[in-house]
N, C-alpha and C. Protein backbone atom coordinates (compact mmCIF):
# COMPACT_ATOMS: atom_id res chain seq x y z
N UNK A 1 4.74 54.33 -57.55
CA UNK A 1 5.13 53.07 -57.80
C UNK A 1 5.15 52.42 -56.14
N UNK A 2 5.50 53.13 -55.16
CA UNK A 2 5.57 52.53 -53.91
C UNK A 2 3.90 51.87 -53.67
N UNK A 3 3.04 52.59 -53.85
CA UNK A 3 1.22 52.32 -53.78
C UNK A 3 1.07 51.31 -54.24
N UNK A 4 1.57 51.19 -55.56
CA UNK A 4 1.23 49.95 -56.40
C UNK A 4 1.99 48.69 -55.66
N UNK A 5 3.24 48.88 -55.28
CA UNK A 5 3.84 47.52 -54.76
C UNK A 5 2.94 47.40 -53.24
N UNK A 6 2.71 48.39 -52.56
CA UNK A 6 1.93 47.90 -51.41
C UNK A 6 0.68 47.38 -51.79
N UNK A 7 -0.01 47.60 -52.70
CA UNK A 7 -1.47 47.08 -53.23
C UNK A 7 -1.35 45.43 -53.78
N UNK A 8 0.03 45.26 -54.19
CA UNK A 8 0.26 44.05 -55.03
C UNK A 8 0.49 43.16 -53.53
N UNK A 9 1.14 43.49 -52.74
CA UNK A 9 1.70 42.94 -51.44
C UNK A 9 0.29 42.75 -50.63
N UNK A 10 -0.83 43.58 -50.66
CA UNK A 10 -1.69 43.44 -49.76
C UNK A 10 -2.70 42.33 -50.43
N UNK A 11 -2.62 42.18 -51.69
CA UNK A 11 -3.33 41.46 -52.60
C UNK A 11 -2.68 40.09 -52.40
N UNK A 12 -1.59 39.74 -52.54
CA UNK A 12 -0.96 38.70 -52.40
C UNK A 12 -1.11 37.93 -51.02
N UNK A 13 -1.24 39.02 -50.14
CA UNK A 13 -1.70 38.41 -48.50
C UNK A 13 -3.10 37.91 -48.58
N UNK A 14 -3.90 38.69 -49.31
CA UNK A 14 -5.12 38.29 -49.21
C UNK A 14 -5.44 36.82 -50.05
N UNK A 15 -4.76 36.70 -51.17
CA UNK A 15 -4.78 35.32 -51.96
C UNK A 15 -4.42 34.31 -51.01
N UNK A 16 -2.94 34.59 -50.18
CA UNK A 16 -2.27 33.71 -49.44
C UNK A 16 -3.46 33.09 -48.19
N UNK A 17 -4.11 34.13 -47.79
CA UNK A 17 -4.89 33.73 -46.86
C UNK A 17 -6.31 32.97 -47.32
N UNK A 18 -6.79 33.49 -48.58
CA UNK A 18 -7.93 32.79 -48.85
C UNK A 18 -7.67 31.11 -49.29
N UNK A 19 -6.43 31.12 -49.91
CA UNK A 19 -6.08 29.74 -50.79
C UNK A 19 -5.78 28.98 -49.62
N UNK A 20 -4.83 29.37 -48.75
CA UNK A 20 -3.94 28.24 -48.15
C UNK A 20 -4.43 28.22 -46.48
N UNK A 21 -5.43 29.60 -46.35
CA UNK A 21 -5.71 29.51 -44.70
C UNK A 21 -7.39 30.11 -44.89
N UNK A 22 -8.11 29.10 -45.40
CA UNK A 22 -9.54 29.53 -45.50
C UNK A 22 -10.39 29.97 -44.02
N UNK A 23 -11.34 30.80 -44.31
CA UNK A 23 -12.01 31.13 -43.22
C UNK A 23 -13.43 30.58 -43.36
N UNK A 24 -13.86 29.65 -43.90
CA UNK A 24 -14.80 28.88 -44.00
C UNK A 24 -15.23 28.72 -42.68
N UNK A 25 -16.69 28.76 -42.53
CA UNK A 25 -17.35 28.59 -41.33
C UNK A 25 -16.76 29.49 -39.94
N UNK A 26 -16.63 30.84 -40.70
CA UNK A 26 -16.26 32.01 -39.62
C UNK A 26 -16.96 32.22 -38.41
N UNK A 27 -18.42 32.41 -38.43
CA UNK A 27 -18.94 32.98 -37.24
C UNK A 27 -19.19 31.83 -36.27
N UNK A 28 -19.07 30.55 -36.98
CA UNK A 28 -19.36 29.28 -36.18
C UNK A 28 -18.22 28.98 -35.21
N UNK A 29 -17.11 28.98 -35.98
CA UNK A 29 -15.84 28.74 -35.53
C UNK A 29 -15.60 29.98 -34.57
N UNK A 30 -15.76 30.70 -34.89
CA UNK A 30 -15.50 31.99 -33.70
C UNK A 30 -16.41 31.97 -32.41
N UNK A 31 -17.73 31.43 -32.61
CA UNK A 31 -18.62 31.41 -31.70
C UNK A 31 -18.12 30.10 -30.69
N UNK A 32 -17.75 29.12 -31.51
CA UNK A 32 -17.57 27.81 -30.60
C UNK A 32 -16.29 27.89 -30.00
N UNK A 33 -15.34 28.71 -30.45
CA UNK A 33 -14.01 28.89 -29.72
C UNK A 33 -14.22 29.89 -28.50
N UNK A 34 -15.11 30.67 -28.55
CA UNK A 34 -15.61 31.54 -27.40
C UNK A 34 -16.21 30.74 -26.51
N UNK A 35 -17.23 29.90 -26.93
CA UNK A 35 -18.08 29.14 -25.91
C UNK A 35 -17.05 28.20 -24.98
N UNK A 36 -16.25 27.69 -25.91
CA UNK A 36 -15.33 26.46 -25.19
C UNK A 36 -13.88 27.21 -24.64
N UNK A 37 -13.79 28.80 -24.60
CA UNK A 37 -12.68 29.13 -24.26
C UNK A 37 -11.32 28.69 -24.87
N UNK A 38 -11.63 28.30 -26.02
CA UNK A 38 -10.41 27.79 -26.75
C UNK A 38 -9.98 28.99 -27.92
N UNK A 39 -8.68 29.10 -28.34
CA UNK A 39 -8.31 30.32 -29.26
C UNK A 39 -8.92 29.86 -30.44
N UNK A 40 -9.54 31.30 -31.30
CA UNK A 40 -10.16 31.24 -32.41
C UNK A 40 -9.17 30.60 -33.30
N UNK A 41 -7.87 31.05 -33.18
CA UNK A 41 -6.70 30.73 -34.33
C UNK A 41 -6.47 29.37 -33.91
N UNK A 42 -6.27 28.87 -32.86
CA UNK A 42 -5.88 27.68 -32.47
C UNK A 42 -7.29 26.53 -33.36
N UNK A 43 -8.34 26.73 -32.91
CA UNK A 43 -9.56 26.07 -33.43
C UNK A 43 -9.24 25.91 -35.20
N UNK A 44 -9.25 27.06 -35.56
CA UNK A 44 -9.21 27.31 -36.93
C UNK A 44 -7.73 26.62 -37.63
N UNK A 45 -6.57 26.41 -36.88
CA UNK A 45 -5.54 25.77 -37.39
C UNK A 45 -5.44 24.09 -37.21
N UNK A 46 -6.69 23.80 -36.24
CA UNK A 46 -6.60 22.46 -36.14
C UNK A 46 -7.83 21.89 -37.30
N UNK A 47 -8.93 22.65 -37.66
CA UNK A 47 -9.81 22.33 -38.63
C UNK A 47 -8.65 22.13 -39.68
N UNK A 48 -7.94 23.33 -40.13
CA UNK A 48 -7.44 23.08 -41.48
C UNK A 48 -6.39 22.17 -41.51
N UNK A 49 -5.71 21.78 -40.33
CA UNK A 49 -4.90 20.33 -40.53
C UNK A 49 -5.77 19.10 -40.55
N UNK A 50 -6.95 18.99 -39.82
CA UNK A 50 -7.21 17.83 -39.62
C UNK A 50 -8.15 17.74 -40.90
N UNK A 51 -8.79 18.49 -41.45
CA UNK A 51 -10.15 18.07 -42.51
C UNK A 51 -9.86 19.03 -43.56
N UNK A 52 -9.01 20.14 -43.45
CA UNK A 52 -9.14 21.45 -44.64
C UNK A 52 -10.25 21.64 -44.88
N UNK A 53 -11.19 21.79 -43.79
CA UNK A 53 -12.53 22.48 -43.60
C UNK A 53 -13.42 21.70 -44.42
N UNK A 54 -13.39 20.39 -44.69
CA UNK A 54 -14.22 19.44 -45.01
C UNK A 54 -15.02 18.84 -44.24
N UNK A 55 -16.45 19.32 -44.00
CA UNK A 55 -17.35 18.69 -43.16
C UNK A 55 -17.52 17.17 -43.36
N UNK A 56 -17.20 16.49 -44.48
CA UNK A 56 -17.54 15.13 -44.84
C UNK A 56 -16.45 14.41 -44.78
N UNK A 57 -15.35 14.85 -44.25
CA UNK A 57 -13.69 14.19 -44.28
C UNK A 57 -14.07 12.93 -43.49
N UNK A 58 -13.33 11.66 -43.80
CA UNK A 58 -13.28 10.52 -42.81
C UNK A 58 -11.91 9.88 -43.37
N UNK A 59 -11.33 9.95 -42.02
CA UNK A 59 -9.38 9.40 -42.30
C UNK A 59 -9.72 8.04 -41.98
N UNK A 60 -8.45 7.44 -42.79
CA UNK A 60 -8.32 6.12 -42.69
C UNK A 60 -8.61 5.30 -41.74
N UNK A 61 -8.32 5.84 -40.55
CA UNK A 61 -8.69 5.00 -39.23
C UNK A 61 -10.27 5.32 -38.47
N UNK A 62 -11.10 6.11 -39.54
CA UNK A 62 -12.39 6.48 -39.08
C UNK A 62 -12.73 8.04 -38.46
N UNK A 63 -12.01 8.59 -38.24
CA UNK A 63 -12.25 9.88 -37.73
C UNK A 63 -12.89 10.78 -38.64
N UNK A 64 -14.08 11.53 -38.41
CA UNK A 64 -14.83 12.14 -38.80
C UNK A 64 -14.96 13.59 -38.77
N UNK A 65 -15.52 14.37 -40.17
CA UNK A 65 -15.57 15.77 -39.86
C UNK A 65 -14.73 16.83 -39.71
N UNK A 66 -15.01 18.05 -39.42
CA UNK A 66 -14.15 19.11 -39.49
C UNK A 66 -12.99 18.80 -38.88
N UNK A 67 -13.41 18.16 -37.41
CA UNK A 67 -12.19 18.49 -36.22
C UNK A 67 -11.68 16.89 -36.42
N UNK A 68 -12.26 15.73 -37.07
CA UNK A 68 -11.77 14.49 -37.16
C UNK A 68 -11.93 13.49 -35.85
N UNK A 69 -13.03 13.64 -35.27
CA UNK A 69 -13.14 12.83 -34.23
C UNK A 69 -13.56 11.51 -34.18
N UNK A 70 -12.84 10.54 -33.60
CA UNK A 70 -12.97 9.14 -33.49
C UNK A 70 -14.21 8.94 -32.90
N UNK A 71 -14.98 7.72 -33.41
CA UNK A 71 -16.37 7.43 -33.05
C UNK A 71 -16.19 7.10 -31.47
N UNK A 72 -15.13 6.36 -30.73
CA UNK A 72 -15.19 6.02 -29.34
C UNK A 72 -14.87 7.70 -28.69
N UNK A 73 -14.06 8.35 -29.24
CA UNK A 73 -13.97 9.80 -28.69
C UNK A 73 -15.16 10.26 -28.26
N UNK A 74 -15.91 10.39 -29.43
CA UNK A 74 -17.59 11.10 -29.49
C UNK A 74 -18.23 10.34 -28.57
N UNK A 75 -18.17 8.96 -28.10
CA UNK A 75 -19.01 8.70 -27.52
C UNK A 75 -18.66 9.07 -25.72
N UNK A 76 -17.26 8.90 -25.76
CA UNK A 76 -16.72 9.53 -24.40
C UNK A 76 -17.21 11.03 -24.38
N UNK A 77 -17.10 11.68 -25.14
CA UNK A 77 -17.43 13.11 -25.04
C UNK A 77 -19.15 13.24 -24.52
N UNK A 78 -19.68 12.52 -25.26
CA UNK A 78 -21.14 12.52 -25.38
C UNK A 78 -21.43 11.90 -23.62
N UNK A 79 -20.50 11.43 -23.04
CA UNK A 79 -20.80 10.88 -21.68
C UNK A 79 -20.39 12.26 -20.74
N UNK A 80 -19.50 13.19 -21.11
CA UNK A 80 -19.61 14.34 -20.51
C UNK A 80 -20.89 15.12 -20.82
N UNK A 81 -21.42 15.33 -22.20
CA UNK A 81 -22.34 16.32 -22.35
C UNK A 81 -23.82 15.86 -22.19
N UNK A 82 -23.99 14.56 -22.08
CA UNK A 82 -24.93 13.93 -21.53
C UNK A 82 -25.73 13.67 -22.98
N UNK A 83 -25.39 14.20 -24.16
CA UNK A 83 -26.10 13.97 -25.29
C UNK A 83 -26.12 12.44 -25.61
N UNK A 84 -27.14 12.13 -26.45
CA UNK A 84 -26.96 10.84 -27.28
C UNK A 84 -27.11 11.16 -28.87
N UNK A 85 -26.34 11.51 -29.18
CA UNK A 85 -26.14 11.72 -30.79
C UNK A 85 -26.01 10.49 -31.56
N UNK A 86 -26.35 10.47 -32.87
CA UNK A 86 -25.84 9.43 -33.63
C UNK A 86 -24.41 9.70 -34.40
N UNK A 87 -23.66 8.58 -34.76
CA UNK A 87 -22.58 8.80 -35.18
C UNK A 87 -22.15 9.83 -36.49
N UNK A 88 -23.14 9.54 -37.43
CA UNK A 88 -23.26 10.83 -38.33
C UNK A 88 -23.63 12.02 -37.94
N UNK A 89 -23.92 12.32 -36.96
CA UNK A 89 -23.84 13.88 -36.23
C UNK A 89 -22.59 14.54 -36.51
N UNK A 90 -21.58 13.73 -36.55
CA UNK A 90 -20.14 14.32 -36.78
C UNK A 90 -19.77 14.75 -38.06
N UNK A 91 -20.84 14.61 -39.17
CA UNK A 91 -20.49 15.41 -40.40
C UNK A 91 -21.54 16.57 -40.35
N UNK A 92 -22.33 17.21 -39.16
CA UNK A 92 -22.64 18.36 -39.26
C UNK A 92 -21.82 19.17 -38.28
N UNK A 93 -21.49 20.50 -39.31
CA UNK A 93 -20.43 21.40 -38.62
C UNK A 93 -20.55 21.68 -37.21
N UNK A 94 -21.71 22.42 -37.09
CA UNK A 94 -22.14 22.81 -35.59
C UNK A 94 -21.43 21.73 -34.61
N UNK A 95 -22.38 20.57 -34.89
CA UNK A 95 -21.93 19.44 -33.66
C UNK A 95 -20.40 19.16 -33.97
N UNK A 96 -19.67 18.73 -34.85
CA UNK A 96 -18.37 18.41 -35.05
C UNK A 96 -17.45 19.54 -34.27
N UNK A 97 -17.68 20.86 -34.39
CA UNK A 97 -16.79 21.79 -33.98
C UNK A 97 -17.11 21.89 -32.37
N UNK A 98 -18.11 21.76 -32.08
CA UNK A 98 -18.69 21.77 -30.63
C UNK A 98 -17.72 20.81 -29.79
N UNK A 99 -17.99 19.30 -30.44
CA UNK A 99 -17.11 18.52 -29.86
C UNK A 99 -15.65 18.35 -29.96
N UNK A 100 -15.27 18.87 -31.22
CA UNK A 100 -13.50 19.31 -31.28
C UNK A 100 -13.30 20.05 -30.31
N UNK A 101 -13.93 21.37 -30.27
CA UNK A 101 -13.59 22.19 -28.96
C UNK A 101 -13.48 21.58 -27.71
N UNK A 102 -14.71 20.94 -27.50
CA UNK A 102 -14.59 20.30 -26.10
C UNK A 102 -13.37 19.32 -26.04
N UNK A 103 -13.09 18.57 -26.81
CA UNK A 103 -12.03 17.78 -26.66
C UNK A 103 -10.74 18.53 -26.40
N UNK A 104 -10.57 19.53 -27.21
CA UNK A 104 -9.39 20.37 -27.10
C UNK A 104 -9.42 21.06 -26.06
N UNK A 105 -10.48 21.52 -25.45
CA UNK A 105 -10.42 22.10 -23.93
C UNK A 105 -9.94 21.46 -23.14
N UNK A 106 -10.86 20.17 -23.13
CA UNK A 106 -10.22 19.16 -22.07
C UNK A 106 -9.02 18.76 -22.20
N UNK A 107 -8.32 18.45 -23.36
CA UNK A 107 -7.13 18.15 -23.22
C UNK A 107 -6.07 19.15 -22.87
N UNK A 108 -6.39 20.65 -23.33
CA UNK A 108 -5.43 21.89 -22.57
C UNK A 108 -5.64 21.95 -21.09
N UNK A 109 -6.80 21.74 -20.66
CA UNK A 109 -7.00 21.47 -18.95
C UNK A 109 -6.32 20.58 -18.57
N UNK A 110 -6.21 19.45 -19.19
CA UNK A 110 -5.56 18.16 -18.62
C UNK A 110 -4.09 18.64 -18.84
N UNK A 111 -3.40 18.74 -19.83
CA UNK A 111 -1.91 18.91 -20.12
C UNK A 111 -1.38 20.05 -19.98
N UNK A 112 -2.14 21.33 -19.92
CA UNK A 112 -1.78 22.72 -19.48
C UNK A 112 -0.62 23.46 -20.37
N UNK A 113 -0.48 22.86 -21.53
CA UNK A 113 0.61 23.09 -22.56
C UNK A 113 -0.21 22.69 -23.76
N UNK A 114 -0.11 23.93 -24.97
CA UNK A 114 -0.82 23.93 -26.28
C UNK A 114 -0.26 22.49 -27.29
N UNK A 115 1.26 22.19 -27.05
CA UNK A 115 1.75 21.58 -27.74
C UNK A 115 1.64 20.11 -27.40
N UNK A 116 1.34 19.79 -26.32
CA UNK A 116 1.38 18.76 -25.40
C UNK A 116 -0.24 18.33 -25.79
N UNK A 117 -1.16 19.06 -25.44
CA UNK A 117 -2.57 19.11 -25.73
C UNK A 117 -2.58 18.49 -27.13
N UNK A 118 -1.83 19.28 -28.32
CA UNK A 118 -2.24 18.69 -29.64
C UNK A 118 -1.96 17.37 -30.04
N UNK A 119 -0.61 16.94 -29.18
CA UNK A 119 0.04 15.42 -29.26
C UNK A 119 -1.04 14.58 -28.88
N UNK A 120 -1.85 15.09 -27.81
CA UNK A 120 -2.65 14.25 -27.32
C UNK A 120 -3.99 13.97 -28.06
N UNK A 121 -4.50 15.19 -28.89
CA UNK A 121 -5.29 15.06 -29.83
C UNK A 121 -5.06 14.22 -30.93
N UNK A 122 -3.77 14.25 -31.03
CA UNK A 122 -3.46 13.34 -32.43
C UNK A 122 -3.20 11.76 -31.84
N UNK A 123 -2.44 11.61 -31.04
CA UNK A 123 -1.72 10.40 -30.60
C UNK A 123 -2.64 9.79 -29.50
N UNK A 124 -3.57 10.48 -28.94
CA UNK A 124 -4.35 9.98 -27.75
C UNK A 124 -3.58 10.20 -26.26
N UNK A 125 -4.59 10.44 -25.52
CA UNK A 125 -4.02 10.93 -23.91
C UNK A 125 -3.32 9.83 -23.43
N UNK A 126 -3.57 8.60 -23.59
CA UNK A 126 -2.61 7.66 -22.80
C UNK A 126 -1.15 7.28 -23.21
N UNK A 127 -1.20 7.56 -24.56
CA UNK A 127 0.21 7.60 -25.13
C UNK A 127 0.94 8.83 -24.99
N UNK A 128 0.35 9.99 -24.80
CA UNK A 128 1.04 11.20 -24.56
C UNK A 128 1.24 11.31 -22.90
N UNK A 129 0.46 10.54 -21.88
CA UNK A 129 0.76 10.37 -20.69
C UNK A 129 2.06 9.40 -20.55
N UNK A 130 2.13 8.55 -21.18
CA UNK A 130 3.10 7.59 -21.28
C UNK A 130 4.32 8.44 -21.72
N UNK A 131 4.27 9.17 -22.49
CA UNK A 131 5.70 9.77 -23.01
C UNK A 131 5.89 10.93 -22.00
N UNK A 132 5.07 11.45 -21.33
CA UNK A 132 5.51 12.07 -20.13
C UNK A 132 5.95 11.68 -18.94
N UNK A 133 6.02 10.56 -19.04
CA UNK A 133 6.79 9.71 -17.72
C UNK A 133 7.94 9.03 -18.15
N UNK A 134 8.55 9.37 -19.71
CA UNK A 134 9.76 8.65 -19.90
C UNK A 134 10.56 10.06 -19.75
N UNK A 135 11.75 9.94 -18.95
CA UNK A 135 12.39 11.11 -18.86
C UNK A 135 13.23 11.37 -19.97
N UNK A 136 13.58 10.51 -21.09
CA UNK A 136 14.11 10.97 -22.42
C UNK A 136 13.35 11.49 -23.24
N UNK A 137 12.12 11.55 -22.97
CA UNK A 137 11.03 12.36 -23.75
C UNK A 137 10.47 13.71 -23.25
N UNK A 138 10.40 13.63 -21.69
CA UNK A 138 10.04 14.64 -21.16
C UNK A 138 10.80 15.07 -19.70
N UNK A 139 11.55 15.80 -19.76
CA UNK A 139 12.32 16.03 -18.44
C UNK A 139 11.53 16.58 -17.22
N UNK A 140 10.43 17.20 -17.54
CA UNK A 140 9.73 17.62 -16.32
C UNK A 140 8.36 16.93 -15.94
N UNK A 141 8.24 16.00 -16.93
CA UNK A 141 6.78 15.05 -17.06
C UNK A 141 5.58 16.06 -17.17
N UNK A 142 5.81 17.03 -17.66
CA UNK A 142 4.60 18.27 -17.86
C UNK A 142 4.73 18.62 -19.54
N UNK A 143 5.85 18.98 -20.20
CA UNK A 143 6.20 19.15 -21.43
C UNK A 143 6.77 18.19 -22.44
N UNK A 144 6.26 17.92 -23.41
CA UNK A 144 7.27 17.14 -24.23
C UNK A 144 8.69 17.58 -24.87
N UNK A 145 9.53 17.45 -24.18
CA UNK A 145 10.83 18.01 -25.03
C UNK A 145 10.99 17.28 -26.18
N UNK A 146 10.63 16.10 -26.54
CA UNK A 146 10.73 15.58 -28.05
C UNK A 146 9.45 14.79 -28.03
N UNK A 147 8.74 14.94 -29.20
CA UNK A 147 7.88 13.85 -29.62
C UNK A 147 8.14 12.60 -30.55
N UNK A 148 8.30 11.70 -29.66
CA UNK A 148 9.00 10.22 -30.42
C UNK A 148 8.06 9.86 -31.71
N UNK A 149 7.05 10.10 -31.93
CA UNK A 149 6.30 9.95 -33.24
C UNK A 149 6.34 10.79 -34.25
N UNK A 150 7.14 10.18 -35.57
CA UNK A 150 7.21 11.51 -36.64
C UNK A 150 5.61 11.94 -36.87
N UNK A 151 4.53 10.88 -37.30
CA UNK A 151 3.52 11.35 -37.67
C UNK A 151 2.97 12.64 -36.54
N UNK A 152 3.02 12.26 -35.51
CA UNK A 152 2.51 13.35 -34.21
C UNK A 152 3.39 14.65 -34.23
N UNK A 153 4.67 14.41 -34.45
CA UNK A 153 5.50 15.46 -34.17
C UNK A 153 5.26 16.59 -35.44
N UNK A 154 5.05 15.79 -36.93
CA UNK A 154 4.69 16.45 -38.15
C UNK A 154 3.54 17.24 -37.88
N UNK A 155 2.05 16.72 -37.17
CA UNK A 155 0.85 17.06 -36.99
C UNK A 155 1.02 18.12 -35.91
N UNK A 156 1.69 18.27 -35.12
CA UNK A 156 1.80 19.35 -33.96
C UNK A 156 2.37 20.69 -34.80
N UNK A 157 3.44 20.40 -35.40
CA UNK A 157 4.07 21.34 -36.18
C UNK A 157 3.22 22.11 -37.07
N UNK A 158 2.45 21.22 -37.91
CA UNK A 158 1.41 21.63 -38.89
C UNK A 158 0.36 22.69 -38.11
N UNK A 159 -0.14 22.18 -37.11
CA UNK A 159 -1.26 22.78 -36.49
C UNK A 159 -0.79 24.20 -35.96
N UNK A 160 0.41 23.88 -35.28
CA UNK A 160 1.07 25.24 -34.56
C UNK A 160 1.60 26.27 -35.71
N UNK A 161 1.85 25.90 -36.84
CA UNK A 161 2.38 26.73 -37.97
C UNK A 161 0.81 27.52 -38.66
N UNK A 162 -0.10 26.53 -38.58
CA UNK A 162 -1.56 27.20 -38.88
C UNK A 162 -2.11 28.20 -38.28
N UNK A 163 -2.12 27.99 -36.72
CA UNK A 163 -2.29 28.39 -35.35
C UNK A 163 -1.76 30.14 -35.42
N UNK A 164 -0.23 30.08 -36.01
CA UNK A 164 0.58 31.48 -36.02
C UNK A 164 0.05 32.03 -37.29
N UNK A 165 -0.25 31.66 -38.28
CA UNK A 165 -0.98 32.32 -39.32
C UNK A 165 -2.15 32.97 -39.24
N UNK A 166 -3.37 32.00 -38.58
CA UNK A 166 -4.39 32.43 -38.31
C UNK A 166 -4.27 33.55 -37.33
N UNK A 167 -3.50 33.47 -36.05
CA UNK A 167 -3.48 34.50 -35.16
C UNK A 167 -3.04 35.90 -35.83
N UNK A 168 -1.94 36.02 -36.66
CA UNK A 168 -1.61 36.91 -37.44
C UNK A 168 -2.76 37.63 -38.24
N UNK A 169 -3.41 36.77 -39.00
CA UNK A 169 -4.48 37.11 -39.73
C UNK A 169 -5.58 37.88 -39.03
N UNK A 170 -6.06 37.09 -37.89
CA UNK A 170 -7.07 37.88 -36.98
C UNK A 170 -6.26 39.31 -36.41
N UNK A 171 -5.11 39.26 -36.01
CA UNK A 171 -4.64 40.81 -35.82
C UNK A 171 -4.66 41.52 -36.89
N UNK A 172 -4.45 41.44 -37.93
CA UNK A 172 -4.60 42.05 -39.29
C UNK A 172 -6.03 42.66 -39.22
N UNK A 173 -6.97 41.77 -39.12
CA UNK A 173 -8.51 42.06 -39.21
C UNK A 173 -8.92 42.92 -38.03
N UNK A 174 -8.42 42.62 -36.89
CA UNK A 174 -8.85 43.79 -35.75
C UNK A 174 -8.05 45.29 -36.01
N UNK A 175 -7.07 45.30 -36.68
CA UNK A 175 -6.45 46.49 -37.23
C UNK A 175 -7.10 47.32 -38.28
N UNK A 176 -7.93 46.57 -39.05
CA UNK A 176 -8.59 47.04 -40.29
C UNK A 176 -10.02 47.46 -39.70
């Protein structure tokens, strides 16, 4: 009876993982995360939140691909890489993940804190820098004590939840 209950629990966890936390592009995400020194679980959580792993996703404001890169951001990042790719390259998983990871790494380096970097990924660097200068939002000018935008606060919470789940699943994979 105990064995059956344990097997049922493991099966339910496997279903939860596959349905709610997919592993699409597993090797590509793992390699890209390693290449850009970004947490594998964080990059997966970002992709899940941004596009639900749909490489053809386009947002209402024009963000594209797995990591939902805006055209202007793509141009700005290409200035850093020296590449000159067409906008449609953002629909290629390898290109989109590379640029999403580069943006995430850039924001993590700039802001030094995951939740603040995610807020900047969603709301923009300029807006987050503005928030950090407001003592009603950030007491130390480094960490956001309160995210004033409901959309951005929801986004950060959603990515962080997925990040935590993927970290849990990655730990389980390493132990099996």
